[in-house]
Amino acid sequence: MRLTGPEWRQLLAAVVKVPALFLLTLAITFPSLYVFNALVGSRLRFWDVMRLLIAGIAVTLAVLTSFGPITAFFSVSTTSYPFMVLLNVLMFAVAGLLGLSFLLQTLHRLSVIHSQMPQPIPEESFDAGQLSGTLGSVPNTGPADPASPLEMPAGHLLAGHVKTVFRCWIVVFGLVGAQMSWVLRPFIGNPDQPFTWFRPRQSNFFEAVWHALLSLFQ
């Protein structure tokens, strides 16, 4: 299949807009996540949270890339624009759920690692004479190897309030991301309309999906 000028421009627009969709959504929702995370006493630092979220977005983009052949197949085998819109909404939803699931699992591992970090022992808790007499009887096993963020230690659970905060943030991220995709539309060119980088502001994402469903079954 030979791509015309508008089709090439639409393809280029999608390549630019998809990463921008997730990065802009992250920029909008990250401040609330970090504040809530700090309020519940999580030990994760600013850059820990940021790297965690970037890793989740990278997983989401990788899943979306794997859906590319499926999108291409239906693009050349159907002429129904509402179907293509709903198919892509479904793919984005699946990719987002997998990316955010990876985020929660990695958050669990990072929290466990922070909980295993040694804490300073107050000097007054030591008796110098007792310590010198018992030090030789303590076997020197060497420093314990820190757990890897990619290994799930057994017997540890992430604090419930931290899980709740991240789960609430995931809902916010999904809602903001859905509307952001509507602001950045079109990701798929409508054959009945000329190419444009952005469309005028109107309606919202959820109303558009509902109308696409009605158009598909009419």
N, C-alpha and C. Protein backbone atom coordinates (compact mmCIF):
# COMPACT_ATOMS: atom_id res chain seq x y z
N MET A 1 0.84 -1.18 0.00
CA MET A 1 0.00 0.00 0.00
C MET A 1 0.88 1.24 0.00
N ARG A 2 0.60 2.15 -0.89
CA ARG A 2 1.39 3.37 -1.00
C ARG A 2 0.73 4.48 -0.19
N LEU A 3 1.55 5.14 0.67
CA LEU A 3 1.03 6.19 1.51
C LEU A 3 1.11 7.53 0.78
N THR A 4 0.02 8.28 0.83
CA THR A 4 0.00 9.61 0.23
C THR A 4 0.54 10.64 1.23
N GLY A 5 0.59 11.91 0.78
CA GLY A 5 1.11 12.97 1.63
C GLY A 5 0.38 13.09 2.97
N PRO A 6 -0.97 13.20 2.98
CA PRO A 6 -1.69 13.29 4.25
C PRO A 6 -1.48 12.08 5.15
N GLU A 7 -1.39 10.89 4.55
CA GLU A 7 -1.19 9.69 5.36
C GLU A 7 0.17 9.70 6.04
N TRP A 8 1.20 10.14 5.32
CA TRP A 8 2.52 10.24 5.92
C TRP A 8 2.53 11.24 7.06
N ARG A 9 1.84 12.37 6.86
CA ARG A 9 1.79 13.38 7.91
C ARG A 9 1.02 12.87 9.13
N GLN A 10 -0.04 12.12 8.90
CA GLN A 10 -0.80 11.56 10.01
C GLN A 10 0.04 10.54 10.78
N LEU A 11 0.82 9.74 10.06
CA LEU A 11 1.70 8.76 10.70
C LEU A 11 2.75 9.47 11.55
N LEU A 12 3.34 10.52 11.02
CA LEU A 12 4.33 11.29 11.77
C LEU A 12 3.70 11.94 12.99
N ALA A 13 2.49 12.45 12.83
CA ALA A 13 1.80 13.07 13.95
C ALA A 13 1.56 12.07 15.07
N ALA A 14 1.17 10.85 14.72
CA ALA A 14 0.92 9.82 15.73
C ALA A 14 2.20 9.45 16.47
N VAL A 15 3.32 9.38 15.74
CA VAL A 15 4.60 9.04 16.36
C VAL A 15 4.99 10.08 17.40
N VAL A 16 4.69 11.34 17.10
CA VAL A 16 5.03 12.42 18.03
C VAL A 16 4.02 12.51 19.18
N LYS A 17 2.76 12.32 18.87
CA LYS A 17 1.71 12.56 19.86
C LYS A 17 1.61 11.48 20.93
N VAL A 18 1.88 10.24 20.57
CA VAL A 18 1.70 9.16 21.55
C VAL A 18 2.63 9.33 22.75
N PRO A 19 3.96 9.51 22.55
CA PRO A 19 4.79 9.77 23.73
C PRO A 19 4.41 11.07 24.44
N ALA A 20 4.04 12.11 23.66
CA ALA A 20 3.64 13.37 24.28
C ALA A 20 2.41 13.20 25.15
N LEU A 21 1.50 12.32 24.75
CA LEU A 21 0.30 12.07 25.53
C LEU A 21 0.65 11.63 26.94
N PHE A 22 1.54 10.65 27.07
CA PHE A 22 1.87 10.12 28.39
C PHE A 22 2.74 11.08 29.19
N LEU A 23 3.67 11.76 28.53
CA LEU A 23 4.55 12.68 29.25
C LEU A 23 3.77 13.89 29.76
N LEU A 24 2.86 14.43 28.96
CA LEU A 24 2.06 15.56 29.41
C LEU A 24 1.11 15.15 30.54
N THR A 25 0.54 13.96 30.43
CA THR A 25 -0.32 13.47 31.50
C THR A 25 0.47 13.30 32.79
N LEU A 26 1.69 12.78 32.68
CA LEU A 26 2.54 12.63 33.85
C LEU A 26 2.88 13.99 34.46
N ALA A 27 3.19 14.97 33.62
CA ALA A 27 3.53 16.30 34.12
C ALA A 27 2.37 16.92 34.90
N ILE A 28 1.14 16.64 34.48
CA ILE A 28 -0.03 17.20 35.14
C ILE A 28 -0.34 16.49 36.45
N THR A 29 -0.16 15.18 36.48
CA THR A 29 -0.60 14.39 37.64
C THR A 29 0.52 14.10 38.64
N PHE A 30 1.78 14.30 38.25
CA PHE A 30 2.88 13.94 39.16
C PHE A 30 2.89 14.75 40.46
N PRO A 31 2.66 16.08 40.43
CA PRO A 31 2.70 16.83 41.70
C PRO A 31 1.75 16.28 42.75
N SER A 32 0.53 15.95 42.36
CA SER A 32 -0.42 15.41 43.33
C SER A 32 0.05 14.07 43.88
N LEU A 33 0.60 13.22 43.02
CA LEU A 33 1.10 11.92 43.47
C LEU A 33 2.22 12.10 44.49
N TYR A 34 3.16 12.97 44.21
CA TYR A 34 4.30 13.13 45.10
C TYR A 34 3.87 13.69 46.45
N VAL A 35 2.95 14.66 46.45
CA VAL A 35 2.47 15.22 47.71
C VAL A 35 1.73 14.17 48.52
N PHE A 36 0.83 13.43 47.89
CA PHE A 36 0.09 12.39 48.60
C PHE A 36 1.04 11.31 49.13
N ASN A 37 2.02 10.97 48.32
CA ASN A 37 2.98 9.95 48.71
C ASN A 37 3.78 10.39 49.94
N ALA A 38 4.13 11.67 49.98
CA ALA A 38 4.87 12.19 51.13
C ALA A 38 3.99 12.26 52.37
N LEU A 39 2.73 12.59 52.19
CA LEU A 39 1.82 12.72 53.34
C LEU A 39 1.59 11.39 54.05
N VAL A 40 1.61 10.29 53.31
CA VAL A 40 1.38 8.99 53.94
C VAL A 40 2.66 8.38 54.49
N GLY A 41 3.77 9.11 54.37
CA GLY A 41 5.01 8.65 55.00
C GLY A 41 5.80 7.66 54.19
N SER A 42 5.63 7.63 52.87
CA SER A 42 6.41 6.71 52.05
C SER A 42 7.88 7.14 52.07
N ARG A 43 8.79 6.16 52.06
CA ARG A 43 10.22 6.45 52.08
C ARG A 43 10.79 6.70 50.68
N LEU A 44 9.97 6.58 49.68
CA LEU A 44 10.46 6.81 48.33
C LEU A 44 10.78 8.29 48.14
N ARG A 45 11.94 8.56 47.59
CA ARG A 45 12.36 9.93 47.34
C ARG A 45 11.80 10.41 46.00
N PHE A 46 12.01 11.72 45.73
CA PHE A 46 11.46 12.34 44.52
C PHE A 46 11.89 11.61 43.27
N TRP A 47 13.21 11.36 43.13
CA TRP A 47 13.71 10.73 41.92
C TRP A 47 13.35 9.26 41.86
N ASP A 48 13.14 8.62 43.03
CA ASP A 48 12.67 7.24 43.03
C ASP A 48 11.29 7.16 42.36
N VAL A 49 10.40 8.07 42.78
CA VAL A 49 9.05 8.08 42.22
C VAL A 49 9.08 8.42 40.74
N MET A 50 9.91 9.41 40.37
CA MET A 50 9.97 9.82 38.97
C MET A 50 10.49 8.69 38.08
N ARG A 51 11.56 8.02 38.51
CA ARG A 51 12.08 6.90 37.71
C ARG A 51 11.07 5.77 37.61
N LEU A 52 10.34 5.56 38.67
CA LEU A 52 9.32 4.52 38.68
C LEU A 52 8.24 4.81 37.64
N LEU A 53 7.79 6.07 37.60
CA LEU A 53 6.73 6.43 36.66
C LEU A 53 7.21 6.40 35.22
N ILE A 54 8.45 6.86 34.99
CA ILE A 54 9.01 6.81 33.64
C ILE A 54 9.12 5.35 33.17
N ALA A 55 9.51 4.45 34.08
CA ALA A 55 9.59 3.04 33.71
C ALA A 55 8.22 2.49 33.34
N GLY A 56 7.18 2.89 34.10
CA GLY A 56 5.83 2.45 33.76
C GLY A 56 5.38 2.95 32.41
N ILE A 57 5.71 4.21 32.08
CA ILE A 57 5.37 4.75 30.76
C ILE A 57 6.12 4.02 29.66
N ALA A 58 7.39 3.68 29.92
CA ALA A 58 8.17 2.96 28.92
C ALA A 58 7.54 1.60 28.62
N VAL A 59 7.05 0.91 29.66
CA VAL A 59 6.38 -0.37 29.45
C VAL A 59 5.11 -0.17 28.63
N THR A 60 4.36 0.88 28.94
CA THR A 60 3.13 1.16 28.20
C THR A 60 3.41 1.41 26.72
N LEU A 61 4.44 2.19 26.43
CA LEU A 61 4.80 2.47 25.04
C LEU A 61 5.28 1.22 24.32
N ALA A 62 5.99 0.35 25.05
CA ALA A 62 6.44 -0.90 24.44
C ALA A 62 5.25 -1.78 24.06
N VAL A 63 4.25 -1.85 24.93
CA VAL A 63 3.06 -2.63 24.62
C VAL A 63 2.31 -2.04 23.43
N LEU A 64 2.21 -0.71 23.40
CA LEU A 64 1.54 -0.07 22.26
C LEU A 64 2.28 -0.35 20.96
N THR A 65 3.59 -0.35 21.02
CA THR A 65 4.38 -0.66 19.82
C THR A 65 4.10 -2.08 19.34
N SER A 66 3.94 -3.00 20.28
CA SER A 66 3.65 -4.39 19.90
C SER A 66 2.28 -4.52 19.24
N PHE A 67 1.38 -3.57 19.50
CA PHE A 67 0.06 -3.59 18.87
C PHE A 67 0.08 -3.00 17.47
N GLY A 68 1.23 -2.47 17.03
CA GLY A 68 1.32 -1.83 15.73
C GLY A 68 0.87 -2.70 14.57
N PRO A 69 1.36 -3.95 14.46
CA PRO A 69 0.90 -4.80 13.35
C PRO A 69 -0.61 -5.04 13.36
N ILE A 70 -1.20 -5.13 14.55
CA ILE A 70 -2.66 -5.34 14.62
C ILE A 70 -3.39 -4.12 14.07
N THR A 71 -2.92 -2.94 14.47
CA THR A 71 -3.53 -1.71 13.96
C THR A 71 -3.39 -1.60 12.45
N ALA A 72 -2.20 -1.94 11.95
CA ALA A 72 -1.98 -1.87 10.50
C ALA A 72 -2.89 -2.85 9.76
N PHE A 73 -3.07 -4.05 10.32
CA PHE A 73 -3.93 -5.04 9.67
C PHE A 73 -5.36 -4.55 9.55
N PHE A 74 -5.92 -4.03 10.64
CA PHE A 74 -7.30 -3.56 10.57
C PHE A 74 -7.43 -2.28 9.75
N SER A 75 -6.36 -1.50 9.66
CA SER A 75 -6.41 -0.28 8.86
C SER A 75 -6.61 -0.59 7.38
N VAL A 76 -6.02 -1.70 6.92
CA VAL A 76 -6.13 -2.04 5.49
C VAL A 76 -7.27 -3.02 5.21
N SER A 77 -7.93 -3.50 6.29
CA SER A 77 -8.98 -4.50 6.07
C SER A 77 -10.38 -3.99 6.42
N THR A 78 -10.49 -2.75 6.89
CA THR A 78 -11.80 -2.20 7.20
C THR A 78 -11.84 -0.73 6.83
N THR A 79 -13.02 -0.24 6.54
CA THR A 79 -13.21 1.18 6.22
C THR A 79 -14.04 1.88 7.30
N SER A 80 -14.29 1.20 8.40
CA SER A 80 -15.12 1.77 9.47
C SER A 80 -14.24 2.62 10.40
N TYR A 81 -14.40 3.92 10.32
CA TYR A 81 -13.61 4.81 11.17
C TYR A 81 -13.99 4.66 12.65
N PRO A 82 -15.28 4.58 13.02
CA PRO A 82 -15.62 4.37 14.44
C PRO A 82 -15.00 3.09 15.01
N PHE A 83 -14.94 2.02 14.21
CA PHE A 83 -14.33 0.78 14.68
C PHE A 83 -12.85 0.99 14.98
N MET A 84 -12.14 1.69 14.10
CA MET A 84 -10.72 1.93 14.31
C MET A 84 -10.49 2.80 15.55
N VAL A 85 -11.37 3.75 15.78
CA VAL A 85 -11.24 4.59 16.98
C VAL A 85 -11.41 3.75 18.23
N LEU A 86 -12.44 2.93 18.27
CA LEU A 86 -12.69 2.10 19.45
C LEU A 86 -11.60 1.04 19.63
N LEU A 87 -11.07 0.50 18.54
CA LEU A 87 -10.00 -0.47 18.63
C LEU A 87 -8.76 0.16 19.27
N ASN A 88 -8.45 1.37 18.87
CA ASN A 88 -7.29 2.04 19.44
C ASN A 88 -7.52 2.45 20.89
N VAL A 89 -8.75 2.83 21.23
CA VAL A 89 -9.06 3.11 22.63
C VAL A 89 -8.83 1.86 23.48
N LEU A 90 -9.26 0.72 22.97
CA LEU A 90 -9.06 -0.54 23.69
C LEU A 90 -7.59 -0.86 23.85
N MET A 91 -6.81 -0.68 22.79
CA MET A 91 -5.38 -0.97 22.86
C MET A 91 -4.66 -0.05 23.84
N PHE A 92 -5.02 1.22 23.82
CA PHE A 92 -4.42 2.16 24.77
C PHE A 92 -4.79 1.78 26.20
N ALA A 93 -6.03 1.35 26.40
CA ALA A 93 -6.45 0.96 27.75
C ALA A 93 -5.68 -0.27 28.24
N VAL A 94 -5.53 -1.26 27.37
CA VAL A 94 -4.78 -2.46 27.76
C VAL A 94 -3.32 -2.12 28.05
N ALA A 95 -2.71 -1.33 27.17
CA ALA A 95 -1.32 -0.95 27.38
C ALA A 95 -1.16 -0.15 28.67
N GLY A 96 -2.09 0.76 28.94
CA GLY A 96 -2.02 1.54 30.18
C GLY A 96 -2.16 0.69 31.41
N LEU A 97 -3.07 -0.28 31.38
CA LEU A 97 -3.24 -1.17 32.54
C LEU A 97 -1.99 -2.00 32.79
N LEU A 98 -1.36 -2.50 31.73
CA LEU A 98 -0.14 -3.28 31.91
C LEU A 98 1.00 -2.41 32.43
N GLY A 99 1.11 -1.19 31.91
CA GLY A 99 2.16 -0.30 32.39
C GLY A 99 1.97 0.09 33.84
N LEU A 100 0.74 0.37 34.24
CA LEU A 100 0.48 0.75 35.62
C LEU A 100 0.59 -0.45 36.56
N SER A 101 0.28 -1.64 36.07
CA SER A 101 0.51 -2.84 36.86
C SER A 101 1.99 -3.04 37.13
N PHE A 102 2.82 -2.82 36.11
CA PHE A 102 4.26 -2.88 36.30
C PHE A 102 4.71 -1.83 37.32
N LEU A 103 4.10 -0.66 37.27
CA LEU A 103 4.43 0.41 38.22
C LEU A 103 4.18 -0.03 39.65
N LEU A 104 3.02 -0.64 39.91
CA LEU A 104 2.70 -1.08 41.27
C LEU A 104 3.64 -2.18 41.75
N GLN A 105 3.98 -3.11 40.86
CA GLN A 105 4.89 -4.19 41.25
C GLN A 105 6.27 -3.64 41.57
N THR A 106 6.76 -2.69 40.76
CA THR A 106 8.07 -2.11 41.02
C THR A 106 8.04 -1.25 42.27
N LEU A 107 6.95 -0.56 42.52
CA LEU A 107 6.79 0.20 43.75
C LEU A 107 6.92 -0.70 44.97
N HIS A 108 6.32 -1.87 44.88
CA HIS A 108 6.41 -2.84 45.96
C HIS A 108 7.87 -3.21 46.23
N ARG A 109 8.61 -3.50 45.18
CA ARG A 109 10.01 -3.91 45.35
C ARG A 109 10.85 -2.77 45.94
N LEU A 110 10.65 -1.55 45.43
CA LEU A 110 11.41 -0.42 45.94
C LEU A 110 11.11 -0.15 47.40
N SER A 111 9.84 -0.26 47.80
CA SER A 111 9.48 -0.03 49.18
C SER A 111 10.11 -1.07 50.10
N VAL A 112 10.17 -2.31 49.63
CA VAL A 112 10.80 -3.36 50.43
C VAL A 112 12.28 -3.08 50.61
N ILE A 113 12.94 -2.63 49.52
CA ILE A 113 14.37 -2.34 49.60
C ILE A 113 14.63 -1.22 50.60
N HIS A 114 13.80 -0.18 50.57
CA HIS A 114 13.99 0.92 51.51
C HIS A 114 13.75 0.45 52.95
N SER A 115 12.81 -0.45 53.14
CA SER A 115 12.55 -0.94 54.49
C SER A 115 13.67 -1.82 55.01
N GLN A 116 14.50 -2.37 54.10
CA GLN A 116 15.61 -3.23 54.51
C GLN A 116 16.90 -2.46 54.74
N MET A 117 16.90 -1.15 54.47
CA MET A 117 18.11 -0.36 54.66
C MET A 117 18.43 -0.26 56.14
N PRO A 118 19.70 -0.42 56.57
CA PRO A 118 20.06 -0.37 57.98
C PRO A 118 19.80 1.00 58.57
N GLN A 119 19.31 1.04 59.81
CA GLN A 119 19.03 2.26 60.52
C GLN A 119 20.14 2.54 61.54
N PRO A 120 20.51 3.81 61.77
CA PRO A 120 21.54 4.12 62.76
C PRO A 120 21.10 3.74 64.17
N ILE A 121 22.03 3.20 64.97
CA ILE A 121 21.74 2.77 66.34
C ILE A 121 22.28 3.83 67.30
N PRO A 122 21.45 4.33 68.22
CA PRO A 122 21.92 5.36 69.15
C PRO A 122 23.10 4.86 69.97
N GLU A 123 24.06 5.77 70.24
CA GLU A 123 25.26 5.38 70.97
C GLU A 123 24.94 4.98 72.40
N GLU A 124 23.92 5.62 73.02
CA GLU A 124 23.64 5.31 74.42
C GLU A 124 23.10 3.91 74.62
N SER A 125 22.69 3.23 73.53
CA SER A 125 22.17 1.87 73.68
C SER A 125 23.27 0.84 73.80
N PHE A 126 24.55 1.26 73.67
CA PHE A 126 25.67 0.35 73.75
C PHE A 126 26.36 0.47 75.11
N ASP A 127 26.81 -0.63 75.62
CA ASP A 127 27.71 -0.67 76.77
C ASP A 127 29.07 -1.09 76.25
N ALA A 128 30.05 -0.19 76.36
CA ALA A 128 31.34 -0.44 75.73
C ALA A 128 31.98 -1.72 76.22
N GLY A 129 31.92 -1.96 77.56
CA GLY A 129 32.53 -3.18 78.10
C GLY A 129 31.82 -4.43 77.65
N GLN A 130 30.51 -4.35 77.66
CA GLN A 130 29.73 -5.53 77.22
C GLN A 130 29.95 -5.80 75.74
N LEU A 131 30.05 -4.72 74.94
CA LEU A 131 30.25 -4.90 73.51
C LEU A 131 31.59 -5.54 73.23
N SER A 132 32.64 -5.09 73.96
CA SER A 132 33.97 -5.65 73.71
C SER A 132 34.06 -7.09 74.14
N GLY A 133 33.24 -7.48 75.15
CA GLY A 133 33.30 -8.86 75.61
C GLY A 133 32.52 -9.81 74.74
N THR A 134 31.55 -9.29 74.04
CA THR A 134 30.68 -10.18 73.24
C THR A 134 30.94 -10.09 71.76
N LEU A 135 31.75 -9.14 71.35
CA LEU A 135 31.95 -8.94 69.92
C LEU A 135 32.58 -10.15 69.26
N GLY A 136 33.51 -10.78 69.98
CA GLY A 136 34.19 -11.92 69.38
C GLY A 136 33.31 -13.13 69.21
N SER A 137 32.20 -13.20 69.96
CA SER A 137 31.34 -14.37 69.86
C SER A 137 30.32 -14.24 68.75
N VAL A 138 30.25 -13.07 68.14
CA VAL A 138 29.29 -12.87 67.06
C VAL A 138 29.93 -13.27 65.75
N PRO A 139 29.36 -14.23 65.02
CA PRO A 139 29.96 -14.64 63.75
C PRO A 139 29.90 -13.52 62.74
N ASN A 140 30.97 -13.39 62.00
CA ASN A 140 31.06 -12.36 60.96
C ASN A 140 30.55 -12.93 59.65
N THR A 141 29.31 -12.64 59.38
CA THR A 141 28.69 -13.17 58.16
C THR A 141 28.86 -12.23 56.99
N GLY A 142 29.41 -11.02 57.24
CA GLY A 142 29.57 -10.07 56.15
C GLY A 142 28.29 -9.31 55.88
N PRO A 143 28.38 -8.22 55.17
CA PRO A 143 27.19 -7.42 54.89
C PRO A 143 26.22 -8.16 53.99
N ALA A 144 24.95 -8.01 54.33
CA ALA A 144 23.91 -8.70 53.54
C ALA A 144 23.78 -8.03 52.19
N ASP A 145 23.63 -8.82 51.16
CA ASP A 145 23.46 -8.28 49.82
C ASP A 145 22.11 -7.61 49.71
N PRO A 146 22.07 -6.34 49.27
CA PRO A 146 20.78 -5.67 49.12
C PRO A 146 19.94 -6.34 48.05
N ALA A 147 18.65 -6.33 48.28
CA ALA A 147 17.74 -6.94 47.30
C ALA A 147 17.70 -6.09 46.04
N SER A 148 17.51 -6.75 44.94
CA SER A 148 17.40 -6.05 43.66
C SER A 148 15.97 -5.56 43.46
N PRO A 149 15.79 -4.37 42.83
CA PRO A 149 14.43 -3.91 42.56
C PRO A 149 13.65 -4.84 41.65
N LEU A 150 14.35 -5.70 40.92
CA LEU A 150 13.66 -6.60 40.00
C LEU A 150 13.37 -7.95 40.62
N GLU A 151 13.73 -8.13 41.90
CA GLU A 151 13.46 -9.38 42.59
C GLU A 151 12.40 -9.13 43.66
N MET A 152 11.39 -9.97 43.69
CA MET A 152 10.31 -9.82 44.65
C MET A 152 10.63 -10.60 45.92
N PRO A 153 11.01 -9.91 47.03
CA PRO A 153 11.30 -10.63 48.26
C PRO A 153 10.03 -11.25 48.81
N ALA A 154 10.17 -12.45 49.37
CA ALA A 154 9.02 -13.16 49.92
C ALA A 154 8.72 -12.62 51.31
N GLY A 155 7.43 -12.61 51.66
CA GLY A 155 7.03 -12.27 53.00
C GLY A 155 6.91 -10.78 53.26
N HIS A 156 6.96 -9.93 52.25
CA HIS A 156 6.85 -8.49 52.44
C HIS A 156 5.65 -7.98 51.65
N LEU A 157 4.93 -7.08 52.28
CA LEU A 157 3.80 -6.46 51.62
C LEU A 157 3.94 -4.95 51.70
N LEU A 158 3.56 -4.26 50.65
CA LEU A 158 3.59 -2.82 50.64
C LEU A 158 2.53 -2.28 51.59
N ALA A 159 2.87 -1.21 52.31
CA ALA A 159 1.92 -0.64 53.26
C ALA A 159 0.61 -0.31 52.56
N GLY A 160 -0.50 -0.60 53.24
CA GLY A 160 -1.81 -0.45 52.62
C GLY A 160 -2.11 0.97 52.20
N HIS A 161 -1.69 1.97 53.02
CA HIS A 161 -2.01 3.36 52.68
C HIS A 161 -1.24 3.82 51.46
N VAL A 162 -0.01 3.31 51.27
CA VAL A 162 0.76 3.68 50.08
C VAL A 162 0.11 3.07 48.83
N LYS A 163 -0.34 1.83 48.95
CA LYS A 163 -1.05 1.21 47.82
C LYS A 163 -2.30 2.01 47.46
N THR A 164 -3.03 2.45 48.49
CA THR A 164 -4.25 3.20 48.25
C THR A 164 -3.97 4.49 47.51
N VAL A 165 -2.90 5.19 47.92
CA VAL A 165 -2.54 6.44 47.26
C VAL A 165 -2.22 6.21 45.80
N PHE A 166 -1.43 5.19 45.51
CA PHE A 166 -1.05 4.94 44.12
C PHE A 166 -2.25 4.46 43.30
N ARG A 167 -3.12 3.70 43.90
CA ARG A 167 -4.30 3.26 43.15
C ARG A 167 -5.22 4.43 42.84
N CYS A 168 -5.36 5.35 43.80
CA CYS A 168 -6.16 6.55 43.53
C CYS A 168 -5.50 7.39 42.43
N TRP A 169 -4.18 7.48 42.49
CA TRP A 169 -3.49 8.25 41.47
C TRP A 169 -3.64 7.61 40.10
N ILE A 170 -3.65 6.29 40.04
CA ILE A 170 -3.83 5.60 38.76
C ILE A 170 -5.17 5.98 38.13
N VAL A 171 -6.22 6.10 38.96
CA VAL A 171 -7.52 6.52 38.44
C VAL A 171 -7.43 7.94 37.89
N VAL A 172 -6.77 8.83 38.64
CA VAL A 172 -6.60 10.21 38.18
C VAL A 172 -5.78 10.25 36.89
N PHE A 173 -4.71 9.46 36.84
CA PHE A 173 -3.86 9.41 35.65
C PHE A 173 -4.67 8.94 34.44
N GLY A 174 -5.53 7.93 34.64
CA GLY A 174 -6.34 7.43 33.54
C GLY A 174 -7.34 8.46 33.04
N LEU A 175 -7.98 9.19 33.98
CA LEU A 175 -8.96 10.20 33.57
C LEU A 175 -8.29 11.36 32.83
N VAL A 176 -7.17 11.84 33.39
CA VAL A 176 -6.45 12.93 32.74
C VAL A 176 -5.90 12.48 31.39
N GLY A 177 -5.37 11.25 31.34
CA GLY A 177 -4.84 10.74 30.09
C GLY A 177 -5.91 10.59 29.02
N ALA A 178 -7.10 10.16 29.42
CA ALA A 178 -8.19 10.02 28.45
C ALA A 178 -8.55 11.38 27.84
N GLN A 179 -8.69 12.39 28.70
CA GLN A 179 -9.03 13.71 28.17
C GLN A 179 -7.86 14.33 27.40
N MET A 180 -6.63 14.03 27.83
CA MET A 180 -5.46 14.54 27.10
C MET A 180 -5.43 13.96 25.68
N SER A 181 -5.81 12.70 25.54
CA SER A 181 -5.86 12.11 24.20
C SER A 181 -6.89 12.82 23.33
N TRP A 182 -7.95 13.31 23.96
CA TRP A 182 -8.96 14.05 23.21
C TRP A 182 -8.45 15.42 22.80
N VAL A 183 -7.65 16.04 23.67
CA VAL A 183 -7.07 17.35 23.35
C VAL A 183 -6.06 17.23 22.20
N LEU A 184 -5.29 16.13 22.18
CA LEU A 184 -4.25 15.96 21.17
C LEU A 184 -4.75 15.30 19.89
N ARG A 185 -6.02 14.96 19.83
CA ARG A 185 -6.53 14.27 18.66
C ARG A 185 -6.33 15.10 17.40
N PRO A 186 -6.31 14.49 16.20
CA PRO A 186 -6.53 13.07 15.93
C PRO A 186 -5.24 12.25 15.96
N PHE A 187 -5.36 11.04 16.48
CA PHE A 187 -4.28 10.07 16.38
C PHE A 187 -4.48 9.20 15.14
N ILE A 188 -5.72 9.08 14.72
CA ILE A 188 -6.07 8.32 13.51
C ILE A 188 -6.76 9.27 12.54
N GLY A 189 -6.28 9.30 11.33
CA GLY A 189 -6.86 10.21 10.34
C GLY A 189 -8.25 9.76 9.91
N ASN A 190 -9.16 10.70 9.86
CA ASN A 190 -10.51 10.42 9.36
C ASN A 190 -10.51 10.60 7.84
N PRO A 191 -10.85 9.55 7.10
CA PRO A 191 -10.80 9.67 5.63
C PRO A 191 -11.77 10.70 5.08
N ASP A 192 -12.77 11.11 5.87
CA ASP A 192 -13.74 12.10 5.41
C ASP A 192 -13.35 13.53 5.76
N GLN A 193 -12.19 13.71 6.40
CA GLN A 193 -11.75 15.04 6.78
C GLN A 193 -10.31 15.26 6.35
N PRO A 194 -9.91 16.48 6.05
CA PRO A 194 -8.53 16.74 5.67
C PRO A 194 -7.59 16.59 6.87
N PHE A 195 -6.32 16.38 6.57
CA PHE A 195 -5.34 16.23 7.65
C PHE A 195 -5.22 17.51 8.45
N THR A 196 -5.12 17.36 9.76
CA THR A 196 -4.86 18.48 10.65
C THR A 196 -4.11 17.96 11.86
N TRP A 197 -3.21 18.76 12.39
CA TRP A 197 -2.46 18.33 13.57
C TRP A 197 -3.36 18.26 14.80
N PHE A 198 -4.24 19.24 14.95
CA PHE A 198 -5.16 19.27 16.08
C PHE A 198 -6.54 19.69 15.58
N ARG A 199 -7.54 19.24 16.31
CA ARG A 199 -8.90 19.62 15.99
C ARG A 199 -9.43 20.61 17.02
N PRO A 200 -10.45 21.38 16.66
CA PRO A 200 -10.99 22.38 17.61
C PRO A 200 -11.49 21.71 18.89
N ARG A 201 -11.44 22.45 19.99
CA ARG A 201 -11.90 21.92 21.28
C ARG A 201 -13.42 21.79 21.27
N GLN A 202 -13.89 20.62 21.61
CA GLN A 202 -15.33 20.38 21.68
C GLN A 202 -15.56 19.09 22.44
N SER A 203 -16.74 18.98 23.05
CA SER A 203 -17.16 17.76 23.72
C SER A 203 -16.08 17.28 24.69
N ASN A 204 -15.97 15.95 24.88
CA ASN A 204 -14.93 15.35 25.71
C ASN A 204 -14.71 13.92 25.28
N PHE A 205 -13.72 13.27 25.85
CA PHE A 205 -13.32 11.93 25.44
C PHE A 205 -14.46 10.93 25.60
N PHE A 206 -15.12 10.96 26.74
CA PHE A 206 -16.12 9.94 27.04
C PHE A 206 -17.36 10.09 26.17
N GLU A 207 -17.74 11.30 25.90
CA GLU A 207 -18.87 11.51 24.99
C GLU A 207 -18.51 11.05 23.58
N ALA A 208 -17.27 11.29 23.16
CA ALA A 208 -16.84 10.88 21.83
C ALA A 208 -16.83 9.36 21.70
N VAL A 209 -16.38 8.66 22.75
CA VAL A 209 -16.38 7.19 22.72
C VAL A 209 -17.81 6.67 22.64
N TRP A 210 -18.72 7.30 23.38
CA TRP A 210 -20.12 6.88 23.34
C TRP A 210 -20.71 7.07 21.94
N HIS A 211 -20.42 8.19 21.30
CA HIS A 211 -20.93 8.42 19.95
C HIS A 211 -20.30 7.44 18.96
N ALA A 212 -19.01 7.08 19.18
CA ALA A 212 -18.38 6.11 18.30
C ALA A 212 -19.05 4.74 18.43
N LEU A 213 -19.43 4.38 19.66
CA LEU A 213 -20.14 3.11 19.87
C LEU A 213 -21.49 3.13 19.15
N LEU A 214 -22.21 4.24 19.28
CA LEU A 214 -23.51 4.32 18.59
C LEU A 214 -23.34 4.27 17.08
N SER A 215 -22.32 4.94 16.56
CA SER A 215 -22.10 4.92 15.10
C SER A 215 -21.71 3.54 14.62
N LEU A 216 -20.98 2.79 15.45
CA LEU A 216 -20.53 1.46 15.04
C LEU A 216 -21.68 0.50 14.86
N PHE A 217 -22.72 0.61 15.69
CA PHE A 217 -23.81 -0.37 15.67
C PHE A 217 -25.05 0.16 14.92
N GLN A 218 -24.93 1.33 14.33
CA GLN A 218 -26.06 1.83 13.53
C GLN A 218 -25.99 1.29 12.11
